Amino acid sequence: FEVPSTSLTYVSAGARLGVDVFRGVTLAGGARVMAGMGDNGEMTTFEWYGSGEATGVGYDVSLTVPLPKGTFVRARVATSKLTTKFDGVGVITEMEGAVQSTDSTTSAGVSIGIRR
């Protein structure tokens, strides 16, 4: 079983908004759109799925809580989904009828920092 290599370069634009909800506790969220910039590695060669166009979206939310002496703790969750829609001219696309490939990620983390 072989899996084609993938590599994607994209440009993104988005916005993020933060709101002070209570005594320095900040709730923030953001969204962005992504557009692929050309080659997606082996995946979009004729031998695999053929050419296609990649687009996607991403979202995140965070909660920042102030701690003593200018420190803070921040919890963050982020998710993104990038889909490549194939043009229908690759070997696997023609054999299997594959029309798109989707890559999605979700991450979460907690960090501690110092405010200046």
PDB file of N, CA and C in Angstrom:
ATOM      1  N   PHE A   1       0.849  -1.176   0.000  1.00  0.00           N
ATOM      2  CA  PHE A   1       0.000   0.000   0.000  1.00  0.00           C
ATOM      3  C   PHE A   1       0.888   1.231   0.000  1.00  0.00           C
ATOM      4  N   GLU A   2       0.737   2.060  -1.003  1.00  0.00           N
ATOM      5  CA  GLU A   2       1.525   3.279  -1.102  1.00  0.00           C
ATOM      6  C   GLU A   2       0.662   4.496  -0.793  1.00  0.00           C
ATOM      7  N   VAL A   3       1.292   5.494  -0.239  1.00  0.00           N
ATOM      8  CA  VAL A   3       0.635   6.769   0.038  1.00  0.00           C
ATOM      9  C   VAL A   3       1.483   7.858  -0.610  1.00  0.00           C
ATOM     10  N   PRO A   4       0.869   8.726  -1.421  1.00  0.00           N
ATOM     11  CA  PRO A   4       1.661   9.774  -2.071  1.00  0.00           C
ATOM     12  C   PRO A   4       2.136  10.821  -1.070  1.00  0.00           C
ATOM     13  N   SER A   5       3.296  11.390  -1.370  1.00  0.00           N
ATOM     14  CA  SER A   5       3.767  12.483  -0.522  1.00  0.00           C
ATOM     15  C   SER A   5       2.918  13.717  -0.791  1.00  0.00           C
ATOM     16  N   THR A   6       2.700  14.487   0.228  1.00  0.00           N
ATOM     17  CA  THR A   6       1.945  15.728   0.075  1.00  0.00           C
ATOM     18  C   THR A   6       2.734  16.864   0.693  1.00  0.00           C
ATOM     19  N   SER A   7       2.623  17.994   0.075  1.00  0.00           N
ATOM     20  CA  SER A   7       3.247  19.203   0.566  1.00  0.00           C
ATOM     21  C   SER A   7       2.396  20.343   0.048  1.00  0.00           C
ATOM     22  N   LEU A   8       1.937  21.188   0.916  1.00  0.00           N
ATOM     23  CA  LEU A   8       1.014  22.230   0.491  1.00  0.00           C
ATOM     24  C   LEU A   8       1.466  23.577   1.011  1.00  0.00           C
ATOM     25  N   THR A   9       1.552  24.521   0.121  1.00  0.00           N
ATOM     26  CA  THR A   9       1.807  25.911   0.478  1.00  0.00           C
ATOM     27  C   THR A   9       0.509  26.667   0.250  1.00  0.00           C
ATOM     28  N   TYR A  10       0.120  27.464   1.217  1.00  0.00           N
ATOM     29  CA  TYR A  10      -1.136  28.201   1.083  1.00  0.00           C
ATOM     30  C   TYR A  10      -0.994  29.598   1.643  1.00  0.00           C
ATOM     31  N   VAL A  11      -1.897  30.455   1.230  1.00  0.00           N
ATOM     32  CA  VAL A  11      -1.999  31.802   1.767  1.00  0.00           C
ATOM     33  C   VAL A  11      -3.292  31.839   2.577  1.00  0.00           C
ATOM     34  N   SER A  12      -3.277  32.564   3.684  1.00  0.00           N
ATOM     35  CA  SER A  12      -4.492  32.624   4.500  1.00  0.00           C
ATOM     36  C   SER A  12      -4.765  34.053   4.953  1.00  0.00           C
ATOM     37  N   ALA A  13      -6.023  34.305   5.209  1.00  0.00           N
ATOM     38  CA  ALA A  13      -6.443  35.601   5.740  1.00  0.00           C
ATOM     39  C   ALA A  13      -7.506  35.326   6.782  1.00  0.00           C
ATOM     40  N   GLY A  14      -7.493  36.093   7.850  1.00  0.00           N
ATOM     41  CA  GLY A  14      -8.469  35.851   8.903  1.00  0.00           C
ATOM     42  C   GLY A  14      -8.592  37.021   9.848  1.00  0.00           C
ATOM     43  N   ALA A  15      -9.358  36.777  10.888  1.00  0.00           N
ATOM     44  CA  ALA A  15      -9.584  37.799  11.908  1.00  0.00           C
ATOM     45  C   ALA A  15      -9.650  37.128  13.268  1.00  0.00           C
ATOM     46  N   ARG A  16      -9.305  37.879  14.303  1.00  0.00           N
ATOM     47  CA  ARG A  16      -9.335  37.377  15.677  1.00  0.00           C
ATOM     48  C   ARG A  16      -9.888  38.476  16.563  1.00  0.00           C
ATOM     49  N   LEU A  17     -10.734  38.099  17.491  1.00  0.00           N
ATOM     50  CA  LEU A  17     -11.375  39.053  18.386  1.00  0.00           C
ATOM     51  C   LEU A  17     -11.243  38.557  19.819  1.00  0.00           C
ATOM     52  N   GLY A  18     -10.851  39.464  20.716  1.00  0.00           N
ATOM     53  CA  GLY A  18     -10.750  39.127  22.125  1.00  0.00           C
ATOM     54  C   GLY A  18     -11.638  40.026  22.961  1.00  0.00           C
ATOM     55  N   VAL A  19     -12.243  39.471  23.998  1.00  0.00           N
ATOM     56  CA  VAL A  19     -13.150  40.226  24.859  1.00  0.00           C
ATOM     57  C   VAL A  19     -12.749  39.989  26.311  1.00  0.00           C
ATOM     58  N   ASP A  20     -12.600  41.087  27.055  1.00  0.00           N
ATOM     59  CA  ASP A  20     -12.330  41.003  28.486  1.00  0.00           C
ATOM     60  C   ASP A  20     -13.650  40.659  29.171  1.00  0.00           C
ATOM     61  N   VAL A  21     -13.747  39.430  29.710  1.00  0.00           N
ATOM     62  CA  VAL A  21     -15.032  38.995  30.263  1.00  0.00           C
ATOM     63  C   VAL A  21     -15.182  39.261  31.759  1.00  0.00           C
ATOM     64  N   PHE A  22     -14.041  39.273  32.522  1.00  0.00           N
ATOM     65  CA  PHE A  22     -14.145  39.504  33.954  1.00  0.00           C
ATOM     66  C   PHE A  22     -12.758  39.683  34.550  1.00  0.00           C
ATOM     67  N   ARG A  23     -12.457  40.848  35.076  1.00  0.00           N
ATOM     68  CA  ARG A  23     -11.207  41.127  35.789  1.00  0.00           C
ATOM     69  C   ARG A  23      -9.961  40.599  35.091  1.00  0.00           C
ATOM     70  N   GLY A  24      -9.818  40.957  33.836  1.00  0.00           N
ATOM     71  CA  GLY A  24      -8.623  40.564  33.087  1.00  0.00           C
ATOM     72  C   GLY A  24      -8.690  39.204  32.420  1.00  0.00           C
ATOM     73  N   VAL A  25      -9.747  38.444  32.676  1.00  0.00           N
ATOM     74  CA  VAL A  25      -9.921  37.161  31.990  1.00  0.00           C
ATOM     75  C   VAL A  25     -10.392  37.471  30.564  1.00  0.00           C
ATOM     76  N   THR A  26      -9.656  36.959  29.582  1.00  0.00           N
ATOM     77  CA  THR A  26      -9.962  37.260  28.187  1.00  0.00           C
ATOM     78  C   THR A  26     -10.395  36.007  27.444  1.00  0.00           C
ATOM     79  N   LEU A  27     -11.501  36.112  26.741  1.00  0.00           N
ATOM     80  CA  LEU A  27     -11.978  35.065  25.854  1.00  0.00           C
ATOM     81  C   LEU A  27     -11.760  35.571  24.433  1.00  0.00           C
ATOM     82  N   ALA A  28     -11.084  34.777  23.613  1.00  0.00           N
ATOM     83  CA  ALA A  28     -10.776  35.205  22.247  1.00  0.00           C
ATOM     84  C   ALA A  28     -11.082  34.092  21.263  1.00  0.00           C
ATOM     85  N   GLY A  29     -11.359  34.476  20.045  1.00  0.00           N
ATOM     86  CA  GLY A  29     -11.615  33.504  18.996  1.00  0.00           C
ATOM     87  C   GLY A  29     -11.227  34.069  17.656  1.00  0.00           C
ATOM     88  N   GLY A  30     -10.972  33.181  16.725  1.00  0.00           N
ATOM     89  CA  GLY A  30     -10.577  33.624  15.405  1.00  0.00           C
ATOM     90  C   GLY A  30     -11.000  32.647  14.338  1.00  0.00           C
ATOM     91  N   ALA A  31     -10.966  33.114  13.112  1.00  0.00           N
ATOM     92  CA  ALA A  31     -11.282  32.288  11.949  1.00  0.00           C
ATOM     93  C   ALA A  31     -10.404  32.745  10.791  1.00  0.00           C
ATOM     94  N   ARG A  32     -10.108  31.824   9.880  1.00  0.00           N
ATOM     95  CA  ARG A  32      -9.322  32.168   8.710  1.00  0.00           C
ATOM     96  C   ARG A  32      -9.742  31.284   7.535  1.00  0.00           C
ATOM     97  N   VAL A  33      -9.510  31.781   6.348  1.00  0.00           N
ATOM     98  CA  VAL A  33      -9.706  31.012   5.130  1.00  0.00           C
ATOM     99  C   VAL A  33      -8.340  30.787   4.501  1.00  0.00           C
ATOM    100  N   MET A  34      -8.185  29.654   3.819  1.00  0.00           N
ATOM    101  CA  MET A  34      -6.900  29.302   3.222  1.00  0.00           C
ATOM    102  C   MET A  34      -7.102  28.972   1.748  1.00  0.00           C
ATOM    103  N   ALA A  35      -6.149  29.339   0.935  1.00  0.00           N
ATOM    104  CA  ALA A  35      -6.170  29.019  -0.491  1.00  0.00           C
ATOM    105  C   ALA A  35      -4.812  28.449  -0.884  1.00  0.00           C
ATOM    106  N   GLY A  36      -4.817  27.277  -1.511  1.00  0.00           N
ATOM    107  CA  GLY A  36      -3.590  26.630  -1.938  1.00  0.00           C
ATOM    108  C   GLY A  36      -2.857  27.441  -2.986  1.00  0.00           C
ATOM    109  N   MET A  37      -1.535  27.332  -2.975  1.00  0.00           N
ATOM    110  CA  MET A  37      -0.696  28.090  -3.912  1.00  0.00           C
ATOM    111  C   MET A  37       0.083  27.124  -4.808  1.00  0.00           C
ATOM    112  N   GLY A  38      -0.604  26.370  -5.656  1.00  0.00           N
ATOM    113  CA  GLY A  38       0.097  25.523  -6.617  1.00  0.00           C
ATOM    114  C   GLY A  38       0.216  24.076  -6.215  1.00  0.00           C
ATOM    115  N   ASP A  39       1.417  23.548  -6.325  1.00  0.00           N
ATOM    116  CA  ASP A  39       1.709  22.119  -6.205  1.00  0.00           C
ATOM    117  C   ASP A  39       1.368  21.543  -4.830  1.00  0.00           C
ATOM    118  N   ASN A  40       0.804  20.331  -4.806  1.00  0.00           N
ATOM    119  CA  ASN A  40       0.499  19.619  -3.555  1.00  0.00           C
ATOM    120  C   ASN A  40       1.339  18.364  -3.401  1.00  0.00           C
ATOM    121  N   GLY A  41       2.521  18.326  -3.983  1.00  0.00           N
ATOM    122  CA  GLY A  41       3.363  17.144  -3.905  1.00  0.00           C
ATOM    123  C   GLY A  41       2.912  16.072  -4.883  1.00  0.00           C
ATOM    124  N   GLU A  42       3.297  14.811  -4.623  1.00  0.00           N
ATOM    125  CA  GLU A  42       2.952  13.699  -5.513  1.00  0.00           C
ATOM    126  C   GLU A  42       1.449  13.496  -5.664  1.00  0.00           C
ATOM    127  N   MET A  43       0.694  13.864  -4.642  1.00  0.00           N
ATOM    128  CA  MET A  43      -0.745  13.624  -4.648  1.00  0.00           C
ATOM    129  C   MET A  43      -1.424  14.201  -5.892  1.00  0.00           C
ATOM    130  N   THR A  44      -0.948  15.333  -6.399  1.00  0.00           N
ATOM    131  CA  THR A  44      -1.613  15.970  -7.536  1.00  0.00           C
ATOM    132  C   THR A  44      -0.897  15.719  -8.870  1.00  0.00           C
ATOM    133  N   THR A  45      -0.069  14.674  -8.915  1.00  0.00           N
ATOM    134  CA  THR A  45       0.515  14.288 -10.197  1.00  0.00           C
ATOM    135  C   THR A  45      -0.455  13.357 -10.910  1.00  0.00           C
ATOM    136  N   PHE A  46      -0.286  13.208 -12.225  1.00  0.00           N
ATOM    137  CA  PHE A  46      -1.165  12.348 -13.015  1.00  0.00           C
ATOM    138  C   PHE A  46      -1.140  10.907 -12.512  1.00  0.00           C
ATOM    139  N   GLU A  47       0.016  10.426 -12.024  1.00  0.00           N
ATOM    140  CA  GLU A  47       0.140   9.051 -11.557  1.00  0.00           C
ATOM    141  C   GLU A  47      -0.708   8.773 -10.311  1.00  0.00           C
ATOM    142  N   TRP A  48      -1.102   9.800  -9.607  1.00  0.00           N
ATOM    143  CA  TRP A  48      -1.921   9.633  -8.414  1.00  0.00           C
ATOM    144  C   TRP A  48      -3.325  10.182  -8.664  1.00  0.00           C
ATOM    145  N   TYR A  49      -3.658  11.320  -8.107  1.00  0.00           N
ATOM    146  CA  TYR A  49      -5.024  11.840  -8.203  1.00  0.00           C
ATOM    147  C   TYR A  49      -5.209  12.912  -9.269  1.00  0.00           C
ATOM    148  N   GLY A  50      -4.147  13.454  -9.780  1.00  0.00           N
ATOM    149  CA  GLY A  50      -4.228  14.511 -10.779  1.00  0.00           C
ATOM    150  C   GLY A  50      -4.343  15.883 -10.145  1.00  0.00           C
ATOM    151  N   SER A  51      -4.380  16.879 -10.987  1.00  0.00           N
ATOM    152  CA  SER A  51      -4.394  18.254 -10.492  1.00  0.00           C
ATOM    153  C   SER A  51      -5.673  18.568  -9.732  1.00  0.00           C
ATOM    154  N   GLY A  52      -5.591  19.596  -8.918  1.00  0.00           N
ATOM    155  CA  GLY A  52      -6.752  19.996  -8.132  1.00  0.00           C
ATOM    156  C   GLY A  52      -6.521  21.330  -7.462  1.00  0.00           C
ATOM    157  N   GLU A  53      -7.559  21.805  -6.810  1.00  0.00           N
ATOM    158  CA  GLU A  53      -7.510  23.088  -6.121  1.00  0.00           C
ATOM    159  C   GLU A  53      -7.752  22.873  -4.635  1.00  0.00           C
ATOM    160  N   ALA A  54      -6.894  23.475  -3.796  1.00  0.00           N
ATOM    161  CA  ALA A  54      -7.000  23.316  -2.343  1.00  0.00           C
ATOM    162  C   ALA A  54      -7.550  24.587  -1.696  1.00  0.00           C
ATOM    163  N   THR A  55      -8.531  24.400  -0.831  1.00  0.00           N
ATOM    164  CA  THR A  55      -9.083  25.501  -0.042  1.00  0.00           C
ATOM    165  C   THR A  55      -9.365  24.984   1.364  1.00  0.00           C
ATOM    166  N   GLY A  56      -9.485  25.886   2.321  1.00  0.00           N
ATOM    167  CA  GLY A  56      -9.754  25.436   3.674  1.00  0.00           C
ATOM    168  C   GLY A  56     -10.180  26.543   4.608  1.00  0.00           C
ATOM    169  N   VAL A  57     -10.483  26.133   5.828  1.00  0.00           N
ATOM    170  CA  VAL A  57     -10.872  27.051   6.889  1.00  0.00           C
ATOM    171  C   VAL A  57     -10.202  26.624   8.191  1.00  0.00           C
ATOM    172  N   GLY A  58     -10.045  27.563   9.097  1.00  0.00           N
ATOM    173  CA  GLY A  58      -9.500  27.274  10.410  1.00  0.00           C
ATOM    174  C   GLY A  58     -10.181  28.121  11.462  1.00  0.00           C
ATOM    175  N   TYR A  59     -10.306  27.570  12.651  1.00  0.00           N
ATOM    176  CA  TYR A  59     -10.951  28.262  13.768  1.00  0.00           C
ATOM    177  C   TYR A  59     -10.126  28.032  15.031  1.00  0.00           C
ATOM    178  N   ASP A  60     -10.164  28.988  15.948  1.00  0.00           N
ATOM    179  CA  ASP A  60      -9.525  28.781  17.244  1.00  0.00           C
ATOM    180  C   ASP A  60     -10.251  29.579  18.314  1.00  0.00           C
ATOM    181  N   VAL A  61     -10.096  29.121  19.537  1.00  0.00           N
ATOM    182  CA  VAL A  61     -10.659  29.817  20.688  1.00  0.00           C
ATOM    183  C   VAL A  61      -9.651  29.694  21.833  1.00  0.00           C
ATOM    184  N   SER A  62      -9.526  30.760  22.627  1.00  0.00           N
ATOM    185  CA  SER A  62      -8.606  30.714  23.764  1.00  0.00           C
ATOM    186  C   SER A  62      -9.207  31.440  24.957  1.00  0.00           C
ATOM    187  N   LEU A  63      -8.747  31.052  26.122  1.00  0.00           N
ATOM    188  CA  LEU A  63      -9.140  31.680  27.380  1.00  0.00           C
ATOM    189  C   LEU A  63      -7.855  32.012  28.127  1.00  0.00           C
ATOM    190  N   THR A  64      -7.676  33.294  28.453  1.00  0.00           N
ATOM    191  CA  THR A  64      -6.483  33.744  29.170  1.00  0.00           C
ATOM    192  C   THR A  64      -6.896  34.244  30.547  1.00  0.00           C
ATOM    193  N   VAL A  65      -6.221  33.715  31.570  1.00  0.00           N
ATOM    194  CA  VAL A  65      -6.536  34.068  32.959  1.00  0.00           C
ATOM    195  C   VAL A  65      -5.285  34.680  33.595  1.00  0.00           C
ATOM    196  N   PRO A  66      -5.389  35.905  34.134  1.00  0.00           N
ATOM    197  CA  PRO A  66      -4.227  36.521  34.770  1.00  0.00           C
ATOM    198  C   PRO A  66      -3.901  35.828  36.089  1.00  0.00           C
ATOM    199  N   LEU A  67      -2.607  35.752  36.387  1.00  0.00           N
ATOM    200  CA  LEU A  67      -2.102  35.201  37.641  1.00  0.00           C
ATOM    201  C   LEU A  67      -1.309  36.298  38.355  1.00  0.00           C
ATOM    202  N   PRO A  68      -0.884  36.074  39.577  1.00  0.00           N
ATOM    203  CA  PRO A  68      -0.114  37.095  40.306  1.00  0.00           C
ATOM    204  C   PRO A  68       1.205  37.462  39.616  1.00  0.00           C
ATOM    205  N   LYS A  69       1.683  38.668  39.881  1.00  0.00           N
ATOM    206  CA  LYS A  69       2.984  39.176  39.446  1.00  0.00           C
ATOM    207  C   LYS A  69       3.128  39.206  37.918  1.00  0.00           C
ATOM    208  N   GLY A  70       2.069  39.578  37.219  1.00  0.00           N
ATOM    209  CA  GLY A  70       2.153  39.749  35.771  1.00  0.00           C
ATOM    210  C   GLY A  70       2.184  38.473  34.954  1.00  0.00           C
ATOM    211  N   THR A  71       1.931  37.354  35.567  1.00  0.00           N
ATOM    212  CA  THR A  71       1.908  36.100  34.821  1.00  0.00           C
ATOM    213  C   THR A  71       0.480  35.772  34.394  1.00  0.00           C
ATOM    214  N   PHE A  72       0.352  34.809  33.499  1.00  0.00           N
ATOM    215  CA  PHE A  72      -0.971  34.388  33.051  1.00  0.00           C
ATOM    216  C   PHE A  72      -0.923  32.933  32.608  1.00  0.00           C
ATOM    217  N   VAL A  73      -2.072  32.324  32.521  1.00  0.00           N
ATOM    218  CA  VAL A  73      -2.212  30.991  31.950  1.00  0.00           C
ATOM    219  C   VAL A  73      -3.208  31.096  30.797  1.00  0.00           C
ATOM    220  N   ARG A  74      -2.907  30.427  29.696  1.00  0.00           N
ATOM    221  CA  ARG A  74      -3.778  30.486  28.518  1.00  0.00           C
ATOM    222  C   ARG A  74      -4.070  29.067  28.028  1.00  0.00           C
ATOM    223  N   ALA A  75      -5.337  28.783  27.807  1.00  0.00           N
ATOM    224  CA  ALA A  75      -5.765  27.520  27.201  1.00  0.00           C
ATOM    225  C   ALA A  75      -6.268  27.834  25.801  1.00  0.00           C
ATOM    226  N   ARG A  76      -5.893  27.002  24.832  1.00  0.00           N
ATOM    227  CA  ARG A  76      -6.257  27.269  23.440  1.00  0.00           C
ATOM    228  C   ARG A  76      -6.622  25.967  22.742  1.00  0.00           C
ATOM    229  N   VAL A  77      -7.661  26.028  21.907  1.00  0.00           N
ATOM    230  CA  VAL A  77      -8.070  24.922  21.048  1.00  0.00           C
ATOM    231  C   VAL A  77      -8.162  25.476  19.634  1.00  0.00           C
ATOM    232  N   ALA A  78      -7.597  24.744  18.670  1.00  0.00           N
ATOM    233  CA  ALA A  78      -7.629  25.186  17.278  1.00  0.00           C
ATOM    234  C   ALA A  78      -7.947  24.003  16.370  1.00  0.00           C
ATOM    235  N   THR A  79      -8.624  24.272  15.290  1.00  0.00           N
ATOM    236  CA  THR A  79      -8.916  23.236  14.300  1.00  0.00           C
ATOM    237  C   THR A  79      -8.821  23.833  12.908  1.00  0.00           C
ATOM    238  N   SER A  80      -8.409  23.028  11.956  1.00  0.00           N
ATOM    239  CA  SER A  80      -8.370  23.478  10.569  1.00  0.00           C
ATOM    240  C   SER A  80      -8.712  22.307   9.657  1.00  0.00           C
ATOM    241  N   LYS A  81      -9.237  22.634   8.498  1.00  0.00           N
ATOM    242  CA  LYS A  81      -9.636  21.627   7.524  1.00  0.00           C
ATOM    243  C   LYS A  81      -9.268  22.152   6.148  1.00  0.00           C
ATOM    244  N   LEU A  82      -8.466  21.393   5.422  1.00  0.00           N
ATOM    245  CA  LEU A  82      -8.003  21.779   4.096  1.00  0.00           C
ATOM    246  C   LEU A  82      -8.419  20.686   3.112  1.00  0.00           C
ATOM    247  N   THR A  83      -9.156  21.048   2.084  1.00  0.00           N
ATOM    248  CA  THR A  83      -9.678  20.082   1.116  1.00  0.00           C
ATOM    249  C   THR A  83      -9.114  20.371  -0.269  1.00  0.00           C
ATOM    250  N   THR A  84      -8.603  19.315  -0.918  1.00  0.00           N
ATOM    251  CA  THR A  84      -8.167  19.412  -2.301  1.00  0.00           C
ATOM    252  C   THR A  84      -9.210  18.723  -3.171  1.00  0.00           C
ATOM    253  N   LYS A  85      -9.819  19.461  -4.081  1.00  0.00           N
ATOM    254  CA  LYS A  85     -10.799  18.907  -5.020  1.00  0.00           C
ATOM    255  C   LYS A  85     -10.073  18.629  -6.332  1.00  0.00           C
ATOM    256  N   PHE A  86     -10.103  17.355  -6.752  1.00  0.00           N
ATOM    257  CA  PHE A  86      -9.365  16.937  -7.940  1.00  0.00           C
ATOM    258  C   PHE A  86     -10.161  17.217  -9.216  1.00  0.00           C
ATOM    259  N   ASP A  87      -9.414  17.478 -10.304  1.00  0.00           N
ATOM    260  CA  ASP A  87     -10.028  17.794 -11.590  1.00  0.00           C
ATOM    261  C   ASP A  87     -10.496  16.556 -12.358  1.00  0.00           C
ATOM    262  N   GLY A  88     -10.158  15.352 -11.860  1.00  0.00           N
ATOM    263  CA  GLY A  88     -10.651  14.129 -12.491  1.00  0.00           C
ATOM    264  C   GLY A  88      -9.749  13.524 -13.546  1.00  0.00           C
ATOM    265  N   VAL A  89      -8.462  13.900 -13.590  1.00  0.00           N
ATOM    266  CA  VAL A  89      -7.585  13.403 -14.646  1.00  0.00           C
ATOM    267  C   VAL A  89      -6.443  12.521 -14.140  1.00  0.00           C
ATOM    268  N   GLY A  90      -6.420  12.158 -12.871  1.00  0.00           N
ATOM    269  CA  GLY A  90      -5.362  11.305 -12.353  1.00  0.00           C
ATOM    270  C   GLY A  90      -5.720   9.833 -12.469  1.00  0.00           C
ATOM    271  N   VAL A  91      -4.699   8.967 -12.430  1.00  0.00           N
ATOM    272  CA  VAL A  91      -4.909   7.524 -12.553  1.00  0.00           C
ATOM    273  C   VAL A  91      -5.852   7.017 -11.472  1.00  0.00           C
ATOM    274  N   ILE A  92      -5.600   7.344 -10.202  1.00  0.00           N
ATOM    275  CA  ILE A  92      -6.449   6.847  -9.114  1.00  0.00           C
ATOM    276  C   ILE A  92      -7.827   7.495  -9.160  1.00  0.00           C
ATOM    277  N   THR A  93      -7.880   8.765  -9.517  1.00  0.00           N
ATOM    278  CA  THR A  93      -9.171   9.444  -9.637  1.00  0.00           C
ATOM    279  C   THR A  93     -10.038   8.744 -10.677  1.00  0.00           C
ATOM    280  N   GLU A  94      -9.446   8.396 -11.819  1.00  0.00           N
ATOM    281  CA  GLU A  94     -10.202   7.718 -12.868  1.00  0.00           C
ATOM    282  C   GLU A  94     -10.587   6.297 -12.476  1.00  0.00           C
ATOM    283  N   MET A  95      -9.681   5.555 -11.791  1.00  0.00           N
ATOM    284  CA  MET A  95      -9.961   4.162 -11.410  1.00  0.00           C
ATOM    285  C   MET A  95     -10.959   4.075 -10.266  1.00  0.00           C
ATOM    286  N   GLU A  96     -10.799   4.906  -9.259  1.00  0.00           N
ATOM    287  CA  GLU A  96     -11.569   4.782  -8.025  1.00  0.00           C
ATOM    288  C   GLU A  96     -12.681   5.818  -7.882  1.00  0.00           C
ATOM    289  N   GLY A  97     -12.683   6.819  -8.712  1.00  0.00           N
ATOM    290  CA  GLY A  97     -13.697   7.867  -8.610  1.00  0.00           C
ATOM    291  C   GLY A  97     -13.462   8.830  -7.452  1.00  0.00           C
ATOM    292  N   ALA A  98     -12.228   8.911  -6.973  1.00  0.00           N
ATOM    293  CA  ALA A  98     -11.913   9.836  -5.878  1.00  0.00           C
ATOM    294  C   ALA A  98     -12.024  11.261  -6.389  1.00  0.00           C
ATOM    295  N   VAL A  99     -12.789  12.080  -5.697  1.00  0.00           N
ATOM    296  CA  VAL A  99     -12.992  13.455  -6.157  1.00  0.00           C
ATOM    297  C   VAL A  99     -12.328  14.496  -5.261  1.00  0.00           C
ATOM    298  N   GLN A 100     -11.982  14.119  -4.025  1.00  0.00           N
ATOM    299  CA  GLN A 100     -11.332  15.081  -3.142  1.00  0.00           C
ATOM    300  C   GLN A 100     -10.577  14.375  -2.027  1.00  0.00           C
ATOM    301  N   SER A 101      -9.670  15.129  -1.411  1.00  0.00           N
ATOM    302  CA  SER A 101      -8.903  14.671  -0.262  1.00  0.00           C
ATOM    303  C   SER A 101      -8.985  15.751   0.804  1.00  0.00           C
ATOM    304  N   THR A 102      -9.247  15.349   2.035  1.00  0.00           N
ATOM    305  CA  THR A 102      -9.375  16.325   3.119  1.00  0.00           C
ATOM    306  C   THR A 102      -8.374  16.019   4.221  1.00  0.00           C
ATOM    307  N   ASP A 103      -7.680  17.050   4.657  1.00  0.00           N
ATOM    308  CA  ASP A 103      -6.738  16.965   5.764  1.00  0.00           C
ATOM    309  C   ASP A 103      -7.256  17.870   6.867  1.00  0.00           C
ATOM    310  N   SER A 104      -7.499  17.306   8.034  1.00  0.00           N
ATOM    311  CA  SER A 104      -7.970  18.135   9.141  1.00  0.00           C
ATOM    312  C   SER A 104      -7.117  17.887  10.373  1.00  0.00           C
ATOM    313  N   THR A 105      -6.938  18.929  11.159  1.00  0.00           N
ATOM    314  CA  THR A 105      -6.174  18.831  12.395  1.00  0.00           C
ATOM    315  C   THR A 105      -6.904  19.574  13.505  1.00  0.00           C
ATOM    316  N   THR A 106      -6.758  19.055  14.699  1.00  0.00           N
ATOM    317  CA  THR A 106      -7.267  19.722  15.893  1.00  0.00           C
ATOM    318  C   THR A 106      -6.160  19.659  16.938  1.00  0.00           C
ATOM    319  N   SER A 107      -5.910  20.777  17.580  1.00  0.00           N
ATOM    320  CA  SER A 107      -4.877  20.822  18.609  1.00  0.00           C
ATOM    321  C   SER A 107      -5.392  21.585  19.821  1.00  0.00           C
ATOM    322  N   ALA A 108      -4.802  21.282  20.949  1.00  0.00           N
ATOM    323  CA  ALA A 108      -5.148  21.975  22.190  1.00  0.00           C
ATOM    324  C   ALA A 108      -3.870  22.126  23.008  1.00  0.00           C
ATOM    325  N   GLY A 109      -3.827  23.190  23.793  1.00  0.00           N
ATOM    326  CA  GLY A 109      -2.648  23.405  24.613  1.00  0.00           C
ATOM    327  C   GLY A 109      -2.892  24.394  25.728  1.00  0.00           C
ATOM    328  N   VAL A 110      -2.020  24.344  26.703  1.00  0.00           N
ATOM    329  CA  VAL A 110      -2.050  25.271  27.822  1.00  0.00           C
ATOM    330  C   VAL A 110      -0.649  25.855  27.949  1.00  0.00           C
ATOM    331  N   SER A 111      -0.572  27.172  28.104  1.00  0.00           N
ATOM    332  CA  SER A 111       0.724  27.821  28.268  1.00  0.00           C
ATOM    333  C   SER A 111       0.683  28.793  29.435  1.00  0.00           C
ATOM    334  N   ILE A 112       1.852  29.050  29.982  1.00  0.00           N
ATOM    335  CA  ILE A 112       2.009  30.009  31.066  1.00  0.00           C
ATOM    336  C   ILE A 112       2.997  31.061  30.580  1.00  0.00           C
ATOM    337  N   GLY A 113       2.682  32.330  30.801  1.00  0.00           N
ATOM    338  CA  GLY A 113       3.543  33.391  30.301  1.00  0.00           C
ATOM    339  C   GLY A 113       3.630  34.575  31.264  1.00  0.00           C
ATOM    340  N   ILE A 114       4.417  35.561  30.851  1.00  0.00           N
ATOM    341  CA  ILE A 114       4.603  36.788  31.623  1.00  0.00           C
ATOM    342  C   ILE A 114       4.197  37.963  30.743  1.00  0.00           C
ATOM    343  N   ARG A 115       3.351  38.829  31.290  1.00  0.00           N
ATOM    344  CA  ARG A 115       2.946  40.052  30.574  1.00  0.00           C
ATOM    345  C   ARG A 115       3.930  41.154  30.897  1.00  0.00           C
ATOM    346  N   ARG A 116       4.281  41.934  29.911  1.00  0.00           N
ATOM    347  CA  ARG A 116       5.210  43.049  30.118  1.00  0.00           C
ATOM    348  C   ARG A 116       4.455  44.330  30.172  1.00  0.00           C
TER     349      ARG A 116
END
